[in-house]
C-alpha atoms as a PDB file:
ATOM      1  CA  MET A   1      36.236 108.937 113.538  1.00  0.00           C
ATOM      2  CA  ALA A   2      38.067 106.554 115.849  1.00  0.00           C
ATOM      3  CA  ALA A   3      39.735 104.810 112.912  1.00  0.00           C
ATOM      4  CA  PHE A   4      40.766 108.145 111.414  1.00  0.00           C
ATOM      5  CA  GLY A   5      42.252 109.273 114.740  1.00  0.00           C
ATOM      6  CA  LYS A   6      44.224 106.057 115.085  1.00  0.00           C
ATOM      7  CA  GLY A   7      45.557 106.340 111.535  1.00  0.00           C
ATOM      8  CA  GLY A   8      46.510 109.972 112.060  1.00  0.00           C
ATOM      9  CA  LYS A   9      48.339 109.097 115.256  1.00  0.00           C
ATOM     10  CA  ASP A  10      50.278 106.304 113.496  1.00  0.00           C
ATOM     11  CA  TYR A  11      51.198 108.685 110.694  1.00  0.00           C
ATOM     12  CA  PHE A  12      52.656 111.391 112.919  1.00  0.00           C
ATOM     13  CA  ASN A  13      53.942 109.313 115.848  1.00  0.00           C
ATOM     14  CA  ALA A  14      56.840 106.887 115.650  1.00  0.00           C
ATOM     15  CA  LYS A  15      57.712 103.652 117.407  1.00  0.00           C
ATOM     16  CA  LYS A  16      60.489 104.910 119.635  1.00  0.00           C
ATOM     17  CA  ASP A  17      63.571 103.033 120.768  1.00  0.00           C
ATOM     18  CA  SER A  18      63.245 103.226 124.561  1.00  0.00           C
ATOM     19  CA  ASN A  19      67.029 103.040 124.893  1.00  0.00           C
ATOM     20  CA  TYR A  20      67.271 106.430 123.147  1.00  0.00           C
ATOM     21  CA  ILE A  21      63.998 108.291 123.852  1.00  0.00           C
ATOM     22  CA  GLU A  22      61.795 108.497 126.926  1.00  0.00           C
ATOM     23  CA  SER A  23      58.318 109.748 126.008  1.00  0.00           C
ATOM     24  CA  TYR A  24      56.131 111.994 128.153  1.00  0.00           C
ATOM     25  CA  TYR A  25      53.249 111.845 125.684  1.00  0.00           C
ATOM     26  CA  ASN A  26      50.627 111.214 128.407  1.00  0.00           C
ATOM     27  CA  ASP A  27      51.987 113.875 130.784  1.00  0.00           C
ATOM     28  CA  LEU A  28      51.023 117.527 131.013  1.00  0.00           C
ATOM     29  CA  ILE A  29      53.940 119.940 130.505  1.00  0.00           C
ATOM     30  CA  VAL A  30      53.395 123.382 132.059  1.00  0.00           C
ATOM     31  CA  ARG A  31      55.949 126.114 131.452  1.00  0.00           C
ATOM     32  CA  ILE A  32      56.718 129.777 131.908  1.00  0.00           C
ATOM     33  CA  TYR A  33      58.915 131.426 129.332  1.00  0.00           C
ATOM     34  CA  SER A  34      60.420 134.626 128.060  1.00  0.00           C
ATOM     35  CA  GLY A  35      61.449 135.298 124.500  1.00  0.00           C
ATOM     36  CA  GLU A  36      62.097 137.714 121.661  1.00  0.00           C
ATOM     37  CA  LYS A  37      61.687 137.585 117.895  1.00  0.00           C
ATOM     38  CA  ASN A  38      62.920 139.957 115.218  1.00  0.00           C
ATOM     39  CA  HIS A  39      62.791 140.414 111.472  1.00  0.00           C
ATOM     40  CA  SER A  40      65.776 142.031 109.787  1.00  0.00           C
ATOM     41  CA  LEU A  41      66.157 143.770 106.435  1.00  0.00           C
ATOM     42  CA  GLU A  42      69.726 143.814 105.079  1.00  0.00           C
ATOM     43  CA  LEU A  43      70.908 145.595 101.942  1.00  0.00           C
ATOM     44  CA  ASP A  44      74.188 144.425 100.411  1.00  0.00           C
ATOM     45  CA  ASP A  45      76.200 146.342  97.826  1.00  0.00           C
ATOM     46  CA  LEU A  46      77.234 143.461  95.562  1.00  0.00           C
ATOM     47  CA  ASN A  47      80.196 145.429  94.228  1.00  0.00           C
ATOM     48  CA  SER A  48      81.758 145.922  97.670  1.00  0.00           C
ATOM     49  CA  PRO A  49      81.556 144.539 101.243  1.00  0.00           C
ATOM     50  CA  TYR A  50      79.307 147.461 102.228  1.00  0.00           C
ATOM     51  CA  ARG A  51      76.060 146.575 104.037  1.00  0.00           C
ATOM     52  CA  LEU A  52      73.105 148.366 105.599  1.00  0.00           C
ATOM     53  CA  GLN A  53      71.125 146.555 108.313  1.00  0.00           C
ATOM     54  CA  TYR A  54      67.652 147.576 109.487  1.00  0.00           C
ATOM     55  CA  PHE A  55      66.177 146.047 112.663  1.00  0.00           C
ATOM     56  CA  PRO A  56      62.889 146.608 114.503  1.00  0.00           C
ATOM     57  CA  ASN A  57      63.055 147.815 118.090  1.00  0.00           C
ATOM     58  CA  GLY A  58      62.802 144.526 119.968  1.00  0.00           C
ATOM     59  CA  TYR A  59      61.313 143.637 123.314  1.00  0.00           C
ATOM     60  CA  PHE A  60      61.015 140.540 125.490  1.00  0.00           C
ATOM     61  CA  ASN A  61      57.763 138.673 126.080  1.00  0.00           C
ATOM     62  CA  MET A  62      56.722 136.819 129.211  1.00  0.00           C
ATOM     63  CA  GLY A  63      54.198 134.033 128.940  1.00  0.00           C
ATOM     64  CA  VAL A  64      52.840 130.663 129.991  1.00  0.00           C
ATOM     65  CA  GLY A  65      52.247 127.534 127.954  1.00  0.00           C
ATOM     66  CA  VAL A  66      51.059 123.946 128.126  1.00  0.00           C
ATOM     67  CA  ASN A  67      51.724 120.788 126.098  1.00  0.00           C
ATOM     68  CA  TYR A  68      49.664 117.614 126.232  1.00  0.00           C
ATOM     69  CA  HIS A  69      49.843 114.816 123.665  1.00  0.00           C
ATOM     70  CA  ASP A  70      50.334 116.649 120.340  1.00  0.00           C
ATOM     71  CA  PHE A  71      48.546 119.796 121.518  1.00  0.00           C
ATOM     72  CA  GLY A  72      50.406 122.916 122.613  1.00  0.00           C
ATOM     73  CA  LEU A  73      49.255 126.413 123.525  1.00  0.00           C
ATOM     74  CA  SER A  74      51.242 129.496 124.551  1.00  0.00           C
ATOM     75  CA  LEU A  75      50.128 132.987 125.567  1.00  0.00           C
ATOM     76  CA  ALA A  76      52.505 135.887 126.145  1.00  0.00           C
ATOM     77  CA  THR A  77      52.671 139.642 126.577  1.00  0.00           C
ATOM     78  CA  LYS A  78      55.569 142.061 126.467  1.00  0.00           C
ATOM     79  CA  ILE A  79      57.479 142.927 129.635  1.00  0.00           C
ATOM     80  CA  PRO A  80      57.041 146.697 130.106  1.00  0.00           C
ATOM     81  CA  PHE A  81      60.183 147.231 132.205  1.00  0.00           C
ATOM     82  CA  ILE A  82      62.519 145.365 129.805  1.00  0.00           C
ATOM     83  CA  GLN A  83      62.343 147.539 126.698  1.00  0.00           C
ATOM     84  CA  ASN A  84      64.824 149.079 124.333  1.00  0.00           C
ATOM     85  CA  ASN A  85      65.038 152.867 124.407  1.00  0.00           C
ATOM     86  CA  GLU A  86      62.357 154.142 122.009  1.00  0.00           C
ATOM     87  CA  PHE A  87      63.978 157.578 121.967  1.00  0.00           C
ATOM     88  CA  GLN A  88      67.179 155.953 120.711  1.00  0.00           C
ATOM     89  CA  LYS A  89      65.754 153.339 118.341  1.00  0.00           C
ATOM     90  CA  GLY A  90      62.187 154.433 117.669  1.00  0.00           C
ATOM     91  CA  GLU A  91      58.902 152.607 118.109  1.00  0.00           C
ATOM     92  CA  THR A  92      58.039 149.341 116.383  1.00  0.00           C
ATOM     93  CA  LYS A  93      54.446 148.205 115.994  1.00  0.00           C
ATOM     94  CA  ARG A  94      54.050 144.502 115.392  1.00  0.00           C
ATOM     95  CA  PHE A  95      51.585 141.679 115.152  1.00  0.00           C
ATOM     96  CA  GLY A  96      52.149 138.048 114.366  1.00  0.00           C
ATOM     97  CA  LEU A  97      51.789 134.362 115.066  1.00  0.00           C
ATOM     98  CA  GLN A  98      54.816 132.109 115.212  1.00  0.00           C
ATOM     99  CA  SER A  99      54.411 128.397 115.852  1.00  0.00           C
ATOM    100  CA  TYR A 100      56.996 125.630 115.900  1.00  0.00           C
ATOM    101  CA  MET A 101      55.239 122.261 116.076  1.00  0.00           C
ATOM    102  CA  TYR A 102      57.047 118.982 116.600  1.00  0.00           C
ATOM    103  CA  THR A 103      55.716 115.446 116.231  1.00  0.00           C
ATOM    104  CA  ASP A 104      57.815 112.292 116.327  1.00  0.00           C
ATOM    105  CA  LYS A 105      58.215 112.259 112.544  1.00  0.00           C
ATOM    106  CA  PHE A 106      57.695 115.868 111.425  1.00  0.00           C
ATOM    107  CA  THR A 107      58.581 119.463 112.237  1.00  0.00           C
ATOM    108  CA  VAL A 108      56.120 122.147 111.169  1.00  0.00           C
ATOM    109  CA  ASP A 109      57.160 125.816 111.246  1.00  0.00           C
ATOM    110  CA  LEU A 110      54.404 128.376 110.731  1.00  0.00           C
ATOM    111  CA  MET A 111      55.247 132.078 110.738  1.00  0.00           C
ATOM    112  CA  THR A 112      53.195 135.209 110.200  1.00  0.00           C
ATOM    113  CA  SER A 113      54.800 138.482 111.235  1.00  0.00           C
ATOM    114  CA  PHE A 114      53.953 142.111 110.505  1.00  0.00           C
ATOM    115  CA  SER A 115      56.211 144.943 111.729  1.00  0.00           C
ATOM    116  CA  LYS A 116      56.370 148.691 111.148  1.00  0.00           C
ATOM    117  CA  GLY A 117      59.145 150.934 112.412  1.00  0.00           C
ATOM    118  CA  TYR A 118      62.852 150.135 111.933  1.00  0.00           C
ATOM    119  CA  TYR A 119      66.225 151.658 112.771  1.00  0.00           C
ATOM    120  CA  LEU A 120      69.572 151.529 110.975  1.00  0.00           C
ATOM    121  CA  VAL A 121      72.148 149.564 112.975  1.00  0.00           C
ATOM    122  CA  ASN A 122      75.294 151.557 113.882  1.00  0.00           C
ATOM    123  CA  SER A 123      73.874 154.653 112.230  1.00  0.00           C
ATOM    124  CA  PHE A 124      76.700 156.893 113.473  1.00  0.00           C
ATOM    125  CA  GLN A 125      79.148 154.847 111.379  1.00  0.00           C
ATOM    126  CA  GLN A 126      76.963 155.120 108.271  1.00  0.00           C
ATOM    127  CA  LEU A 127      75.675 158.685 108.581  1.00  0.00           C
ATOM    128  CA  LYS A 128      77.786 161.626 109.692  1.00  0.00           C
ATOM    129  CA  SER A 129      74.739 163.502 110.949  1.00  0.00           C
ATOM    130  CA  ASN A 130      73.937 160.815 113.541  1.00  0.00           C
ATOM    131  CA  ALA A 131      75.578 161.068 116.953  1.00  0.00           C
ATOM    132  CA  LYS A 132      77.026 157.977 118.596  1.00  0.00           C
ATOM    133  CA  GLY A 133      74.326 156.109 120.517  1.00  0.00           C
ATOM    134  CA  MET A 134      71.487 157.513 118.399  1.00  0.00           C
ATOM    135  CA  GLU A 135      70.110 155.425 115.569  1.00  0.00           C
ATOM    136  CA  TYR A 136      68.661 156.595 112.272  1.00  0.00           C
ATOM    137  CA  GLN A 137      64.960 155.799 112.604  1.00  0.00           C
ATOM    138  CA  ARG A 138      62.632 154.733 109.812  1.00  0.00           C
ATOM    139  CA  PRO A 139      59.040 154.604 111.126  1.00  0.00           C
ATOM    140  CA  ASP A 140      57.860 154.284 107.505  1.00  0.00           C
ATOM    141  CA  ILE A 141      59.511 150.905 106.830  1.00  0.00           C
ATOM    142  CA  ALA A 142      57.033 148.029 107.146  1.00  0.00           C
ATOM    143  CA  SER A 143      57.479 144.304 106.578  1.00  0.00           C
ATOM    144  CA  SER A 144      55.300 141.239 106.331  1.00  0.00           C
ATOM    145  CA  ASP A 145      56.636 137.685 106.550  1.00  0.00           C
ATOM    146  CA  ILE A 146      54.554 134.570 105.991  1.00  0.00           C
ATOM    147  CA  GLY A 147      55.992 131.085 105.785  1.00  0.00           C
ATOM    148  CA  LEU A 148      55.234 127.397 106.146  1.00  0.00           C
ATOM    149  CA  SER A 149      57.941 124.733 106.347  1.00  0.00           C
ATOM    150  CA  ILE A 150      57.296 120.999 106.818  1.00  0.00           C
ATOM    151  CA  ASN A 151      60.180 118.567 107.271  1.00  0.00           C
ATOM    152  CA  TYR A 152      60.451 114.826 107.882  1.00  0.00           C
ATOM    153  CA  ILE A 153      62.783 113.352 110.541  1.00  0.00           C
ATOM    154  CA  PHE A 154      64.225 110.153 109.066  1.00  0.00           C
ATOM    155  CA  ASN A 155      65.746 108.650 112.233  1.00  0.00           C
ATOM    156  CA  ASN A 156      62.583 109.292 114.247  1.00  0.00           C
ATOM    157  CA  SER A 157      62.884 106.139 116.375  1.00  0.00           C
ATOM    158  CA  ARG A 158      66.131 107.330 118.019  1.00  0.00           C
ATOM    159  CA  PHE A 159      66.239 111.103 117.566  1.00  0.00           C
ATOM    160  CA  SER A 160      63.677 113.521 119.037  1.00  0.00           C
ATOM    161  CA  TYR A 161      63.258 117.189 118.149  1.00  0.00           C
ATOM    162  CA  LYS A 162      60.674 117.412 120.930  1.00  0.00           C
ATOM    163  CA  ALA A 163      63.305 116.561 123.548  1.00  0.00           C
ATOM    164  CA  ALA A 164      65.220 119.722 122.689  1.00  0.00           C
ATOM    165  CA  PHE A 165      62.487 122.232 121.858  1.00  0.00           C
ATOM    166  CA  SER A 166      59.242 121.261 123.633  1.00  0.00           C
ATOM    167  CA  GLY A 167      60.247 119.033 126.546  1.00  0.00           C
ATOM    168  CA  THR A 168      57.611 116.386 125.803  1.00  0.00           C
ATOM    169  CA  ASP A 169      60.367 113.797 125.185  1.00  0.00           C
ATOM    170  CA  ARG A 170      63.716 113.139 126.816  1.00  0.00           C
ATOM    171  CA  GLN A 171      66.761 112.130 124.756  1.00  0.00           C
ATOM    172  CA  LEU A 172      68.686 109.431 126.655  1.00  0.00           C
ATOM    173  CA  LYS A 173      71.611 108.799 124.276  1.00  0.00           C
ATOM    174  CA  ASN A 174      73.458 110.729 121.578  1.00  0.00           C
ATOM    175  CA  ALA A 175      71.657 110.526 118.244  1.00  0.00           C
ATOM    176  CA  GLY A 176      71.161 112.416 114.989  1.00  0.00           C
ATOM    177  CA  SER A 177      68.976 112.384 111.914  1.00  0.00           C
ATOM    178  CA  PHE A 178      68.813 113.568 108.333  1.00  0.00           C
ATOM    179  CA  ILE A 179      65.884 115.906 107.645  1.00  0.00           C
ATOM    180  CA  GLY A 180      64.038 116.632 104.413  1.00  0.00           C
ATOM    181  CA  GLY A 181      60.921 118.456 103.275  1.00  0.00           C
ATOM    182  CA  GLY A 182      59.720 121.672 101.679  1.00  0.00           C
ATOM    183  CA  SER A 183      58.699 125.248 102.392  1.00  0.00           C
ATOM    184  CA  ILE A 184      56.724 128.215 101.065  1.00  0.00           C
ATOM    185  CA  LEU A 185      58.021 131.637 102.097  1.00  0.00           C
ATOM    186  CA  SER A 186      56.910 135.212 101.453  1.00  0.00           C
ATOM    187  CA  TYR A 187      58.928 138.273 102.538  1.00  0.00           C
ATOM    188  CA  ARG A 188      57.796 141.805 101.697  1.00  0.00           C
ATOM    189  CA  SER A 189      59.214 145.168 102.753  1.00  0.00           C
ATOM    190  CA  LYS A 190      58.136 148.680 101.774  1.00  0.00           C
ATOM    191  CA  ALA A 191      58.749 152.299 102.755  1.00  0.00           C
ATOM    192  CA  ASP A 192      57.549 155.792 101.873  1.00  0.00           C
ATOM    193  CA  SER A 193      60.984 156.633 100.451  1.00  0.00           C
ATOM    194  CA  ALA A 194      64.134 154.774  99.350  1.00  0.00           C
ATOM    195  CA  PHE A 195      65.612 152.148 101.675  1.00  0.00           C
ATOM    196  CA  VAL A 196      69.075 153.676 101.138  1.00  0.00           C
ATOM    197  CA  PRO A 197      69.339 157.029 103.003  1.00  0.00           C
ATOM    198  CA  SER A 198      70.296 159.938 100.744  1.00  0.00           C
ATOM    199  CA  GLU A 199      73.305 160.714 102.955  1.00  0.00           C
ATOM    200  CA  ILE A 200      74.963 157.368 102.197  1.00  0.00           C
ATOM    201  CA  ASN A 201      78.084 157.730 100.060  1.00  0.00           C
ATOM    202  CA  LYS A 202      77.102 157.903  96.381  1.00  0.00           C
ATOM    203  CA  ALA A 203      79.746 155.275  95.598  1.00  0.00           C
ATOM    204  CA  HIS A 204      77.440 152.626  97.096  1.00  0.00           C
ATOM    205  CA  PHE A 205      74.253 151.220  95.546  1.00  0.00           C
ATOM    206  CA  THR A 206      74.814 153.266  92.407  1.00  0.00           C
ATOM    207  CA  LYS A 207      72.063 151.460  90.443  1.00  0.00           C
ATOM    208  CA  SER A 208      69.537 150.909  93.221  1.00  0.00           C
ATOM    209  CA  ARG A 209      69.353 154.003  95.417  1.00  0.00           C
ATOM    210  CA  ASP A 210      65.683 154.558  94.559  1.00  0.00           C
ATOM    211  CA  VAL A 211      64.373 151.129  95.649  1.00  0.00           C
ATOM    212  CA  TYR A 212      61.657 151.490  98.281  1.00  0.00           C
ATOM    213  CA  ARG A 213      59.765 148.197  97.962  1.00  0.00           C
ATOM    214  CA  SER A 214      60.811 144.573  97.583  1.00  0.00           C
ATOM    215  CA  GLY A 215      59.128 141.203  97.773  1.00  0.00           C
ATOM    216  CA  VAL A 216      59.983 137.519  97.486  1.00  0.00           C
ATOM    217  CA  LEU A 217      57.744 134.479  97.065  1.00  0.00           C
ATOM    218  CA  ALA A 218      59.787 131.273  97.263  1.00  0.00           C
ATOM    219  CA  PHE A 219      59.112 127.552  96.889  1.00  0.00           C
ATOM    220  CA  ASN A 220      61.973 125.430  98.225  1.00  0.00           C
ATOM    221  CA  ALA A 221      62.944 121.813  98.797  1.00  0.00           C
ATOM    222  CA  ASN A 222      64.732 121.354 102.131  1.00  0.00           C
ATOM    223  CA  GLY A 223      67.515 119.111 103.361  1.00  0.00           C
ATOM    224  CA  GLY A 224      69.671 119.072 106.465  1.00  0.00           C
ATOM    225  CA  TYR A 225      70.866 117.286 109.579  1.00  0.00           C
ATOM    226  CA  ALA A 226      70.261 117.495 113.338  1.00  0.00           C
ATOM    227  CA  TYR A 227      72.189 116.003 116.247  1.00  0.00           C
ATOM    228  CA  SER A 228      71.629 115.779 120.017  1.00  0.00           C
ATOM    229  CA  LEU A 229      74.497 115.393 122.480  1.00  0.00           C
ATOM    230  CA  ILE A 230      73.783 114.229 126.035  1.00  0.00           C
ATOM    231  CA  PHE A 231      75.880 115.714 128.845  1.00  0.00           C
ATOM    232  CA  LEU A 232      75.920 115.161 132.617  1.00  0.00           C
ATOM    233  CA  HIS A 233      73.303 112.421 132.172  1.00  0.00           C
ATOM    234  CA  ASN A 234      70.282 114.781 132.217  1.00  0.00           C
ATOM    235  CA  GLY A 235      71.456 117.529 129.820  1.00  0.00           C
ATOM    236  CA  ASN A 236      70.805 117.821 126.089  1.00  0.00           C
ATOM    237  CA  VAL A 237      72.431 120.041 123.444  1.00  0.00           C
ATOM    238  CA  THR A 238      70.855 119.951 119.977  1.00  0.00           C
ATOM    239  CA  LEU A 239      72.084 121.571 116.761  1.00  0.00           C
ATOM    240  CA  SER A 240      70.372 121.449 113.387  1.00  0.00           C
ATOM    241  CA  TYR A 241      70.943 123.121 110.038  1.00  0.00           C
ATOM    242  CA  ILE A 242      68.553 122.978 107.079  1.00  0.00           C
ATOM    243  CA  ILE A 243      69.166 124.399 103.600  1.00  0.00           C
ATOM    244  CA  GLY A 244      66.376 125.089 101.152  1.00  0.00           C
ATOM    245  CA  ALA A 245      66.750 125.566  97.400  1.00  0.00           C
ATOM    246  CA  GLY A 246      64.190 126.116  94.681  1.00  0.00           C
ATOM    247  CA  ILE A 247      62.595 128.950  92.726  1.00  0.00           C
ATOM    248  CA  GLN A 248      61.430 132.398  93.765  1.00  0.00           C
ATOM    249  CA  ASN A 249      59.495 135.304  92.348  1.00  0.00           C
ATOM    250  CA  ASP A 250      61.164 138.701  92.905  1.00  0.00           C
ATOM    251  CA  ARG A 251      59.353 142.005  92.878  1.00  0.00           C
ATOM    252  CA  ILE A 252      60.892 145.479  93.009  1.00  0.00           C
ATOM    253  CA  ASP A 253      59.369 148.929  92.734  1.00  0.00           C
ATOM    254  CA  GLY A 254      61.581 152.003  92.292  1.00  0.00           C
ATOM    255  CA  ASN A 255      61.140 155.530  91.125  1.00  0.00           C
ATOM    256  CA  SER A 256      63.143 154.897  87.974  1.00  0.00           C
ATOM    257  CA  SER A 257      62.088 151.319  87.219  1.00  0.00           C
ATOM    258  CA  SER A 258      58.913 149.525  86.302  1.00  0.00           C
ATOM    259  CA  GLU A 259      57.590 146.621  88.336  1.00  0.00           C
ATOM    260  CA  LEU A 260      59.629 143.486  87.705  1.00  0.00           C
ATOM    261  CA  THR A 261      58.536 139.886  88.159  1.00  0.00           C
ATOM    262  CA  ASN A 262      61.032 137.104  87.487  1.00  0.00           C
ATOM    263  CA  TRP A 263      61.402 133.498  88.501  1.00  0.00           C
ATOM    264  CA  ARG A 264      64.933 132.593  89.520  1.00  0.00           C
ATOM    265  CA  PHE A 265      67.009 130.406  91.843  1.00  0.00           C
ATOM    266  CA  SER A 266      66.089 130.598  95.535  1.00  0.00           C
ATOM    267  CA  PHE A 267      68.116 129.836  98.663  1.00  0.00           C
ATOM    268  CA  ASN A 268      67.215 129.903 102.342  1.00  0.00           C
ATOM    269  CA  GLN A 269      68.612 128.466 105.563  1.00  0.00           C
ATOM    270  CA  THR A 270      67.327 127.678 109.044  1.00  0.00           C
ATOM    271  CA  GLY A 271      69.503 126.954 112.058  1.00  0.00           C
ATOM    272  CA  ARG A 272      68.368 125.722 115.454  1.00  0.00           C
ATOM    273  CA  PHE A 273      70.190 125.521 118.755  1.00  0.00           C
ATOM    274  CA  GLY A 274      68.702 124.168 121.948  1.00  0.00           C
ATOM    275  CA  ILE A 275      70.162 123.361 125.341  1.00  0.00           C
ATOM    276  CA  GLY A 276      68.206 121.991 128.288  1.00  0.00           C
ATOM    277  CA  TYR A 277      68.540 120.119 131.525  1.00  0.00           C
ATOM    278  CA  TRP A 278      66.145 117.906 133.506  1.00  0.00           C
ATOM    279  CA  VAL A 279      66.087 117.880 137.320  1.00  0.00           C
ATOM    280  CA  LYS A 280      63.522 115.252 138.308  1.00  0.00           C
ATOM    281  CA  ARG A 281      60.231 116.676 136.922  1.00  0.00           C
ATOM    282  CA  TYR A 282      61.599 120.139 136.152  1.00  0.00           C
ATOM    283  CA  TYR A 283      63.174 121.218 132.873  1.00  0.00           C
ATOM    284  CA  ALA A 284      65.081 124.410 132.000  1.00  0.00           C
ATOM    285  CA  ARG A 285      65.659 125.215 128.320  1.00  0.00           C
ATOM    286  CA  ILE A 286      67.062 127.826 125.957  1.00  0.00           C
ATOM    287  CA  GLY A 287      66.064 127.614 122.305  1.00  0.00           C
ATOM    288  CA  ILE A 288      67.301 129.766 119.404  1.00  0.00           C
ATOM    289  CA  ILE A 289      65.977 129.633 115.843  1.00  0.00           C
ATOM    290  CA  HIS A 290      67.389 131.702 112.965  1.00  0.00           C
ATOM    291  CA  SER A 291      66.112 131.661 109.396  1.00  0.00           C
ATOM    292  CA  SER A 292      66.965 133.804 106.385  1.00  0.00           C
ATOM    293  CA  GLN A 293      65.991 134.117 102.740  1.00  0.00           C
ATOM    294  CA  TYR A 294      68.634 135.301 100.292  1.00  0.00           C
ATOM    295  CA  THR A 295      67.720 136.914  97.016  1.00  0.00           C
ATOM    296  CA  SER A 296      69.771 138.721  94.406  1.00  0.00           C
ATOM    297  CA  LEU A 297      67.397 141.084  92.625  1.00  0.00           C
ATOM    298  CA  LYS A 298      67.712 142.211  89.028  1.00  0.00           C
ATOM    299  CA  TYR A 299      69.755 145.268  90.012  1.00  0.00           C
ATOM    300  CA  ASN A 300      73.362 144.186  89.631  1.00  0.00           C
ATOM    301  CA  ASP A 301      74.622 145.980  92.723  1.00  0.00           C
ATOM    302  CA  LEU A 302      71.825 145.151  95.175  1.00  0.00           C
ATOM    303  CA  GLY A 303      71.315 142.071  97.318  1.00  0.00           C
ATOM    304  CA  ILE A 304      68.522 141.850  99.881  1.00  0.00           C
ATOM    305  CA  VAL A 305      68.554 139.430 102.817  1.00  0.00           C
ATOM    306  CA  ASN A 306      65.388 138.925 104.868  1.00  0.00           C
ATOM    307  CA  GLY A 307      65.806 137.056 108.140  1.00  0.00           C
ATOM    308  CA  THR A 308      63.956 136.141 111.312  1.00  0.00           C
ATOM    309  CA  ASP A 309      65.391 135.339 114.739  1.00  0.00           C
ATOM    310  CA  PHE A 310      63.556 133.716 117.628  1.00  0.00           C
ATOM    311  CA  ILE A 311      64.950 133.059 121.107  1.00  0.00           C
ATOM    312  CA  GLN A 312      63.074 131.550 124.039  1.00  0.00           C
ATOM    313  CA  ILE A 313      64.075 130.752 127.611  1.00  0.00           C
ATOM    314  CA  SER A 314      61.681 128.519 129.533  1.00  0.00           C
ATOM    315  CA  LEU A 315      61.215 126.641 132.796  1.00  0.00           C
ATOM    316  CA  ALA A 316      58.805 123.690 132.710  1.00  0.00           C
ATOM    317  CA  LYS A 317      57.297 121.125 135.028  1.00  0.00           C
ATOM    318  CA  ARG A 318      56.035 117.703 134.026  1.00  0.00           C
ATOM    319  CA  ILE A 319      52.774 116.577 135.660  1.00  0.00           C
ATOM    320  CA  SER A 320      51.581 112.975 135.362  1.00  0.00           C
ATOM    321  CA  LEU A 321      47.864 112.595 134.667  1.00  0.00           C
END
């Protein structure tokens, strides 16, 4: 067991250049944070620039978390007095687990999210019957998103993802790294009736107005780049962009079409932005992660984009043990 643990540690942890990275591997990081995550469903008319965007009614969480060695745990609950107007945007029921794990050499993104209850963004511009300020609500739309993405950090001796997004390292000098890996993603959305409201102009989505269910299962190879810029000695800004390409299985159910299953080209992207600042043993950070899966279904005039957004603001303290 001891030999296995040592080998596992060597596999995930890198020999760091102390001129570029200061490690807090043996310290306990305690943090409080607030954040929000959303899953969007976007319908594009491929014959025009027309688009419909459905969002769940979001809310902010407040929680606490700890990191020690390679272990991290976070617990959060929604803030009752910081809520979007349910009368305006409807109620969203959700359940999920979202984990972003960072070792010296790898990033591991695990996502499971289930939501029910969406609203149409800027409904008054899309539907004449909706008054300004009131959104067209779709409590019947439900989505499930499950994904796993594992990526290798090539310049792991001088560049640290953990410095930007977990606070268990500190980046001392500017550095960047190429990133490569793979992912498995599943996005599914369904409703009791067509995604496209009947009141939408008949000139749009002429061949796909009856679609009420869609699904994507994608297998992608990933590649990208990340860079950290140090400012005011103790500050760190990190940007990364990863593109995935591979194959995907599309599924559509409509009133006038049979179930379709086809393997075709797949494309997805994930962007990260993090900014943080150390003051002695305290660390303040803002992290934003956006990912999306693009698919052009068999219907010539319909494109569906599934995306997730995650933002977190945290304040942490480092405790030496």
